[in-house]
Amino acid sequence: MPSPKMLKLPEVLEELDMSRAAFYRMRARGKAPKIIKLPNGQLRVRRADLDAWWTECERSAA
């Protein structure tokens, strides 16, 4: 079974067209995509989690 696609934070920020500071503010409010913190402190987002987050944003906007 292939491992899920994991995106680095800069890739997520580019897709969202958002600054790191804005992303962290959104995360503090519980509105950001699900984040995985690696043992080395780096953050990753599963592609599937980001896609699900986009879908939820679309539903909320409708």
C-alpha atoms as a PDB file:
ATOM      1  CA  MET A   1       0.000   0.000   0.000  1.00  0.00           C
ATOM      2  CA  PRO A   2       1.551   3.339  -1.004  1.00  0.00           C
ATOM      3  CA  SER A   3       2.045   5.922   1.707  1.00  0.00           C
ATOM      4  CA  PRO A   4      -0.225   8.968   1.572  1.00  0.00           C
ATOM      5  CA  LYS A   5       1.078  12.095  -0.133  1.00  0.00           C
ATOM      6  CA  MET A   6       2.416  14.473   2.498  1.00  0.00           C
ATOM      7  CA  LEU A   7       2.771  18.165   1.710  1.00  0.00           C
ATOM      8  CA  LYS A   8       5.329  20.443   3.330  1.00  0.00           C
ATOM      9  CA  LEU A   9       4.017  23.646   4.871  1.00  0.00           C
ATOM     10  CA  PRO A  10       5.438  25.901   2.102  1.00  0.00           C
ATOM     11  CA  GLU A  11       3.542  23.780  -0.471  1.00  0.00           C
ATOM     12  CA  VAL A  12       0.324  24.169   1.502  1.00  0.00           C
ATOM     13  CA  LEU A  13       0.850  27.913   1.895  1.00  0.00           C
ATOM     14  CA  GLU A  14       1.422  28.272  -1.845  1.00  0.00           C
ATOM     15  CA  GLU A  15      -1.759  26.351  -2.664  1.00  0.00           C
ATOM     16  CA  LEU A  16      -3.759  28.419  -0.171  1.00  0.00           C
ATOM     17  CA  ASP A  17      -2.065  31.646  -1.346  1.00  0.00           C
ATOM     18  CA  MET A  18      -1.575  32.517   2.311  1.00  0.00           C
ATOM     19  CA  SER A  19       1.240  33.799   4.479  1.00  0.00           C
ATOM     20  CA  ARG A  20       2.702  31.643   7.230  1.00  0.00           C
ATOM     21  CA  ALA A  21       1.436  34.126   9.852  1.00  0.00           C
ATOM     22  CA  ALA A  22      -2.123  34.016   8.466  1.00  0.00           C
ATOM     23  CA  PHE A  23      -2.006  30.220   8.393  1.00  0.00           C
ATOM     24  CA  TYR A  24      -0.913  30.056  12.044  1.00  0.00           C
ATOM     25  CA  ARG A  25      -3.712  32.470  13.024  1.00  0.00           C
ATOM     26  CA  MET A  26      -6.213  30.251  11.217  1.00  0.00           C
ATOM     27  CA  ARG A  27      -4.704  27.190  12.908  1.00  0.00           C
ATOM     28  CA  ALA A  28      -5.023  28.856  16.339  1.00  0.00           C
ATOM     29  CA  ARG A  29      -8.747  29.336  15.648  1.00  0.00           C
ATOM     30  CA  GLY A  30      -9.094  25.666  14.673  1.00  0.00           C
ATOM     31  CA  LYS A  31      -9.928  26.521  11.055  1.00  0.00           C
ATOM     32  CA  ALA A  32      -6.822  25.160   9.286  1.00  0.00           C
ATOM     33  CA  PRO A  33      -6.390  21.775   7.607  1.00  0.00           C
ATOM     34  CA  LYS A  34      -5.298  18.925   9.865  1.00  0.00           C
ATOM     35  CA  ILE A  35      -1.561  19.160  10.605  1.00  0.00           C
ATOM     36  CA  ILE A  36       0.903  16.382  11.407  1.00  0.00           C
ATOM     37  CA  LYS A  37       3.942  17.397  13.441  1.00  0.00           C
ATOM     38  CA  LEU A  38       6.951  15.202  12.763  1.00  0.00           C
ATOM     39  CA  PRO A  39       9.451  14.258  15.487  1.00  0.00           C
ATOM     40  CA  ASN A  40      11.914  16.795  14.044  1.00  0.00           C
ATOM     41  CA  GLY A  41       9.332  19.574  14.485  1.00  0.00           C
ATOM     42  CA  GLN A  42       8.458  19.946  10.814  1.00  0.00           C
ATOM     43  CA  LEU A  43       4.809  20.147   9.817  1.00  0.00           C
ATOM     44  CA  ARG A  44       3.093  18.119   7.129  1.00  0.00           C
ATOM     45  CA  VAL A  45      -0.425  18.000   5.719  1.00  0.00           C
ATOM     46  CA  ARG A  46      -1.808  14.903   4.042  1.00  0.00           C
ATOM     47  CA  ARG A  47      -3.045  15.635   0.524  1.00  0.00           C
ATOM     48  CA  ALA A  48      -6.332  13.912   1.388  1.00  0.00           C
ATOM     49  CA  ASP A  49      -6.780  16.125   4.489  1.00  0.00           C
ATOM     50  CA  LEU A  50      -6.153  19.290   2.464  1.00  0.00           C
ATOM     51  CA  ASP A  51      -8.620  18.164  -0.213  1.00  0.00           C
ATOM     52  CA  ALA A  52     -11.228  17.415   2.487  1.00  0.00           C
ATOM     53  CA  TRP A  53     -10.598  20.861   4.011  1.00  0.00           C
ATOM     54  CA  TRP A  54     -11.167  22.508   0.590  1.00  0.00           C
ATOM     55  CA  THR A  55     -14.419  20.563   0.215  1.00  0.00           C
ATOM     56  CA  GLU A  56     -15.593  21.719   3.641  1.00  0.00           C
ATOM     57  CA  CYS A  57     -14.759  25.333   2.739  1.00  0.00           C
ATOM     58  CA  GLU A  58     -16.872  25.003  -0.392  1.00  0.00           C
ATOM     59  CA  ARG A  59     -19.802  23.613   1.624  1.00  0.00           C
ATOM     60  CA  SER A  60     -19.521  26.409   4.183  1.00  0.00           C
ATOM     61  CA  ALA A  61     -19.537  29.056   1.464  1.00  0.00           C
ATOM     62  CA  ALA A  62     -22.676  27.690  -0.221  1.00  0.00           C
END
